[in-house]
N, C-alpha and C. Protein backbone atom coordinates (compact mmCIF):
# COMPACT_ATOMS: atom_id res chain seq x y z
N MET A 1 -28.67 15.55 32.12
CA MET A 1 -27.72 14.48 31.90
C MET A 1 -28.26 13.49 30.87
N ASP A 2 -29.51 13.22 30.94
CA ASP A 2 -30.15 12.28 30.03
C ASP A 2 -30.08 12.78 28.59
N ILE A 3 -30.23 14.10 28.40
CA ILE A 3 -30.21 14.69 27.06
C ILE A 3 -28.81 14.57 26.46
N LEU A 4 -27.76 14.76 27.26
CA LEU A 4 -26.40 14.64 26.76
C LEU A 4 -26.09 13.21 26.32
N ALA A 5 -26.56 12.24 27.07
CA ALA A 5 -26.34 10.85 26.69
C ALA A 5 -27.04 10.53 25.38
N LEU A 6 -28.24 11.03 25.21
CA LEU A 6 -28.99 10.81 23.98
C LEU A 6 -28.28 11.47 22.80
N SER A 7 -27.80 12.69 23.01
CA SER A 7 -27.09 13.41 21.96
C SER A 7 -25.82 12.67 21.55
N ALA A 8 -25.07 12.18 22.54
CA ALA A 8 -23.85 11.44 22.24
C ALA A 8 -24.15 10.17 21.48
N THR A 9 -25.22 9.49 21.85
CA THR A 9 -25.60 8.26 21.16
C THR A 9 -25.98 8.54 19.71
N GLN A 10 -26.71 9.62 19.49
CA GLN A 10 -27.10 9.98 18.13
C GLN A 10 -25.88 10.34 17.28
N LYS A 11 -24.96 11.08 17.86
CA LYS A 11 -23.75 11.45 17.12
C LYS A 11 -22.90 10.22 16.80
N TYR A 12 -22.81 9.31 17.75
CA TYR A 12 -22.06 8.08 17.51
C TYR A 12 -22.70 7.27 16.39
N ALA A 13 -24.03 7.17 16.41
CA ALA A 13 -24.74 6.42 15.37
C ALA A 13 -24.56 7.08 14.01
N ALA A 14 -24.49 8.40 13.98
CA ALA A 14 -24.32 9.11 12.72
C ALA A 14 -22.91 8.93 12.16
N LEU A 15 -21.92 8.82 13.05
CA LEU A 15 -20.53 8.70 12.60
C LEU A 15 -20.12 7.26 12.35
N ARG A 16 -20.84 6.31 12.86
CA ARG A 16 -20.48 4.91 12.73
C ARG A 16 -20.32 4.48 11.27
N PRO A 17 -21.21 4.84 10.34
CA PRO A 17 -21.02 4.40 8.95
C PRO A 17 -19.72 4.90 8.32
N ALA A 18 -19.14 5.96 8.84
CA ALA A 18 -17.89 6.48 8.28
C ALA A 18 -16.74 5.51 8.50
N THR A 19 -16.84 4.64 9.50
CA THR A 19 -15.77 3.68 9.77
C THR A 19 -15.93 2.40 8.98
N GLN A 20 -17.05 2.22 8.36
CA GLN A 20 -17.30 1.00 7.58
C GLN A 20 -16.97 1.27 6.12
N PRO A 21 -16.56 0.24 5.39
CA PRO A 21 -16.21 0.45 3.99
C PRO A 21 -17.43 0.88 3.17
N ALA A 22 -17.18 1.72 2.23
CA ALA A 22 -18.25 2.18 1.35
C ALA A 22 -18.65 1.07 0.39
N GLU A 23 -19.78 1.23 -0.24
CA GLU A 23 -20.27 0.22 -1.20
C GLU A 23 -19.31 0.08 -2.37
N SER A 24 -18.83 1.20 -2.87
CA SER A 24 -17.87 1.14 -3.98
C SER A 24 -16.48 1.00 -3.39
N GLU A 25 -15.70 0.09 -3.95
CA GLU A 25 -14.35 -0.14 -3.46
C GLU A 25 -13.45 1.03 -3.79
N SER A 26 -12.40 1.19 -3.02
CA SER A 26 -11.44 2.24 -3.31
C SER A 26 -10.65 1.87 -4.57
N SER A 27 -9.98 2.83 -5.12
CA SER A 27 -9.20 2.56 -6.32
C SER A 27 -8.07 1.57 -6.04
N VAL A 28 -7.54 1.62 -4.81
CA VAL A 28 -6.48 0.67 -4.44
C VAL A 28 -7.04 -0.74 -4.40
N GLY A 29 -8.23 -0.90 -3.84
CA GLY A 29 -8.86 -2.22 -3.78
C GLY A 29 -9.17 -2.77 -5.16
N LYS A 30 -9.65 -1.91 -6.05
CA LYS A 30 -9.94 -2.34 -7.42
C LYS A 30 -8.66 -2.74 -8.14
N THR A 31 -7.61 -1.96 -7.93
CA THR A 31 -6.34 -2.25 -8.57
C THR A 31 -5.78 -3.58 -8.09
N ALA A 32 -5.85 -3.81 -6.77
CA ALA A 32 -5.33 -5.06 -6.21
C ALA A 32 -6.15 -6.25 -6.70
N ALA A 33 -7.47 -6.10 -6.75
CA ALA A 33 -8.31 -7.20 -7.22
C ALA A 33 -8.03 -7.49 -8.70
N GLY A 34 -7.85 -6.45 -9.48
CA GLY A 34 -7.53 -6.63 -10.90
C GLY A 34 -6.19 -7.31 -11.10
N ALA A 35 -5.22 -6.92 -10.28
CA ALA A 35 -3.90 -7.54 -10.37
C ALA A 35 -3.94 -9.02 -10.01
N LEU A 36 -4.72 -9.36 -9.00
CA LEU A 36 -4.85 -10.77 -8.62
C LEU A 36 -5.54 -11.59 -9.72
N ARG A 37 -6.55 -11.00 -10.34
CA ARG A 37 -7.23 -11.69 -11.45
C ARG A 37 -6.27 -11.89 -12.62
N ASP A 38 -5.49 -10.86 -12.94
CA ASP A 38 -4.51 -10.97 -14.03
C ASP A 38 -3.45 -12.02 -13.73
N PHE A 39 -3.00 -12.06 -12.47
CA PHE A 39 -2.00 -13.03 -12.05
C PHE A 39 -2.55 -14.45 -12.22
N ALA A 40 -3.76 -14.69 -11.75
CA ALA A 40 -4.36 -16.01 -11.87
C ALA A 40 -4.57 -16.39 -13.33
N GLN A 41 -5.01 -15.43 -14.14
CA GLN A 41 -5.23 -15.71 -15.55
C GLN A 41 -3.91 -16.04 -16.25
N THR A 42 -2.85 -15.33 -15.93
CA THR A 42 -1.53 -15.61 -16.52
C THR A 42 -1.08 -17.02 -16.18
N LEU A 43 -1.26 -17.41 -14.92
CA LEU A 43 -0.87 -18.77 -14.51
C LEU A 43 -1.69 -19.83 -15.23
N GLN A 44 -2.98 -19.60 -15.40
CA GLN A 44 -3.84 -20.57 -16.09
C GLN A 44 -3.46 -20.69 -17.56
N GLU A 45 -3.21 -19.57 -18.20
CA GLU A 45 -2.83 -19.60 -19.63
C GLU A 45 -1.50 -20.32 -19.82
N THR A 46 -0.55 -20.05 -18.94
CA THR A 46 0.76 -20.69 -19.04
C THR A 46 0.64 -22.19 -18.80
N GLU A 47 -0.21 -22.58 -17.87
CA GLU A 47 -0.41 -24.00 -17.62
C GLU A 47 -0.99 -24.71 -18.84
N GLN A 48 -1.94 -24.06 -19.50
CA GLN A 48 -2.53 -24.65 -20.71
C GLN A 48 -1.48 -24.76 -21.82
N ILE A 49 -0.68 -23.72 -21.99
CA ILE A 49 0.35 -23.75 -23.04
C ILE A 49 1.40 -24.80 -22.70
N ALA A 50 1.76 -24.93 -21.41
CA ALA A 50 2.75 -25.93 -21.01
C ALA A 50 2.22 -27.34 -21.28
N LYS A 51 0.95 -27.58 -21.00
CA LYS A 51 0.35 -28.89 -21.29
C LYS A 51 0.38 -29.17 -22.78
N ALA A 52 0.06 -28.14 -23.57
CA ALA A 52 0.10 -28.31 -25.02
C ALA A 52 1.53 -28.54 -25.49
N GLY A 53 2.49 -27.91 -24.84
CA GLY A 53 3.90 -28.10 -25.20
C GLY A 53 4.37 -29.52 -24.90
N MET A 54 3.87 -30.12 -23.84
CA MET A 54 4.25 -31.49 -23.49
C MET A 54 3.74 -32.49 -24.51
N THR A 55 2.61 -32.18 -25.11
CA THR A 55 2.05 -33.09 -26.12
C THR A 55 2.55 -32.76 -27.52
N GLY A 56 3.29 -31.65 -27.64
CA GLY A 56 3.84 -31.27 -28.94
C GLY A 56 2.89 -30.42 -29.77
N ASP A 57 1.82 -29.92 -29.17
CA ASP A 57 0.84 -29.12 -29.92
C ASP A 57 1.12 -27.62 -29.86
N ALA A 58 2.05 -27.18 -29.01
CA ALA A 58 2.29 -25.74 -28.84
C ALA A 58 3.54 -25.31 -29.59
N ASP A 59 3.54 -24.08 -30.01
CA ASP A 59 4.69 -23.47 -30.65
C ASP A 59 5.75 -23.23 -29.57
N PRO A 60 7.00 -23.63 -29.80
CA PRO A 60 8.04 -23.43 -28.79
C PRO A 60 8.22 -21.96 -28.41
N HIS A 61 8.07 -21.07 -29.38
CA HIS A 61 8.19 -19.64 -29.08
C HIS A 61 7.09 -19.19 -28.11
N ALA A 62 5.87 -19.66 -28.31
CA ALA A 62 4.76 -19.31 -27.42
C ALA A 62 4.99 -19.88 -26.03
N LEU A 63 5.57 -21.06 -25.95
CA LEU A 63 5.85 -21.69 -24.67
C LEU A 63 6.88 -20.88 -23.89
N VAL A 64 7.96 -20.47 -24.56
CA VAL A 64 9.00 -19.68 -23.89
C VAL A 64 8.44 -18.33 -23.46
N GLN A 65 7.63 -17.72 -24.30
CA GLN A 65 7.04 -16.43 -23.96
C GLN A 65 6.09 -16.56 -22.77
N ALA A 66 5.29 -17.61 -22.72
CA ALA A 66 4.38 -17.83 -21.60
C ALA A 66 5.13 -18.07 -20.30
N LEU A 67 6.21 -18.84 -20.39
CA LEU A 67 7.01 -19.09 -19.19
C LEU A 67 7.68 -17.81 -18.68
N ALA A 68 8.13 -16.95 -19.59
CA ALA A 68 8.74 -15.68 -19.19
C ALA A 68 7.70 -14.77 -18.53
N GLN A 69 6.48 -14.76 -19.06
CA GLN A 69 5.41 -13.97 -18.44
C GLN A 69 5.09 -14.47 -17.05
N THR A 70 5.06 -15.78 -16.89
CA THR A 70 4.77 -16.35 -15.58
C THR A 70 5.88 -16.04 -14.60
N GLU A 71 7.11 -16.14 -15.05
CA GLU A 71 8.24 -15.82 -14.17
C GLU A 71 8.16 -14.38 -13.69
N LEU A 72 7.85 -13.47 -14.58
CA LEU A 72 7.72 -12.06 -14.22
C LEU A 72 6.55 -11.85 -13.25
N ALA A 73 5.43 -12.53 -13.49
CA ALA A 73 4.26 -12.39 -12.61
C ALA A 73 4.57 -12.91 -11.21
N VAL A 74 5.26 -14.03 -11.12
CA VAL A 74 5.59 -14.61 -9.81
C VAL A 74 6.59 -13.71 -9.08
N GLU A 75 7.59 -13.20 -9.79
CA GLU A 75 8.56 -12.30 -9.17
C GLU A 75 7.88 -11.04 -8.65
N THR A 76 6.93 -10.52 -9.41
CA THR A 76 6.19 -9.34 -8.98
C THR A 76 5.37 -9.64 -7.74
N ALA A 77 4.69 -10.79 -7.72
CA ALA A 77 3.88 -11.17 -6.56
C ALA A 77 4.75 -11.34 -5.32
N VAL A 78 5.91 -11.94 -5.47
CA VAL A 78 6.82 -12.13 -4.34
C VAL A 78 7.32 -10.78 -3.83
N THR A 79 7.64 -9.87 -4.75
CA THR A 79 8.10 -8.54 -4.35
C THR A 79 7.03 -7.79 -3.58
N VAL A 80 5.80 -7.85 -4.07
CA VAL A 80 4.69 -7.18 -3.38
C VAL A 80 4.49 -7.80 -2.00
N ARG A 81 4.52 -9.11 -1.92
CA ARG A 81 4.37 -9.78 -0.63
C ARG A 81 5.46 -9.36 0.34
N ASN A 82 6.70 -9.29 -0.14
CA ASN A 82 7.81 -8.88 0.72
C ASN A 82 7.63 -7.45 1.23
N LYS A 83 7.14 -6.56 0.37
CA LYS A 83 6.91 -5.18 0.79
C LYS A 83 5.80 -5.11 1.84
N VAL A 84 4.76 -5.90 1.69
CA VAL A 84 3.68 -5.93 2.68
C VAL A 84 4.19 -6.45 4.01
N VAL A 85 4.99 -7.50 3.98
CA VAL A 85 5.56 -8.05 5.21
C VAL A 85 6.48 -7.03 5.87
N GLU A 86 7.30 -6.33 5.09
CA GLU A 86 8.18 -5.30 5.65
C GLU A 86 7.37 -4.19 6.30
N ALA A 87 6.29 -3.77 5.65
CA ALA A 87 5.44 -2.71 6.22
C ALA A 87 4.80 -3.18 7.52
N TYR A 88 4.33 -4.42 7.55
CA TYR A 88 3.73 -4.98 8.76
C TYR A 88 4.75 -5.03 9.88
N GLN A 89 5.96 -5.47 9.59
CA GLN A 89 7.00 -5.54 10.62
C GLN A 89 7.37 -4.13 11.11
N GLU A 90 7.37 -3.17 10.22
CA GLU A 90 7.65 -1.79 10.63
C GLU A 90 6.56 -1.27 11.56
N ILE A 91 5.33 -1.60 11.28
CA ILE A 91 4.22 -1.19 12.15
C ILE A 91 4.37 -1.84 13.53
N LEU A 92 4.77 -3.10 13.55
CA LEU A 92 4.96 -3.79 14.84
C LEU A 92 6.08 -3.16 15.66
N ARG A 93 7.07 -2.58 15.01
CA ARG A 93 8.19 -1.97 15.72
C ARG A 93 7.88 -0.58 16.27
N MET A 94 6.74 -0.02 15.87
CA MET A 94 6.39 1.33 16.33
C MET A 94 6.07 1.31 17.81
N PRO A 95 6.56 2.29 18.54
CA PRO A 95 6.23 2.34 19.97
C PRO A 95 4.77 2.74 20.18
N VAL A 96 4.20 2.18 21.20
CA VAL A 96 2.78 2.46 21.48
C VAL A 96 2.65 3.60 22.44
């Protein structure tokens, strides 16, 4: 009986790292992190251009283009958030 307990403990210890995230992120994680960085960068650039536009230093065409990019980025973020919430709600509705 003692040998079986030891064997089970060793097998559990060997399989435990498989449940933990690997050192290298998955491609989905890298993609999501890159998208968040791009989103933040777009917002920062638009904010700088908007400030320059208020002082009259920015080209009106650049200002309109930056605002359109920001609008698209925000709409995309909201859509992704809505899909995540829908998926979470669907998981909650699953019978146990």
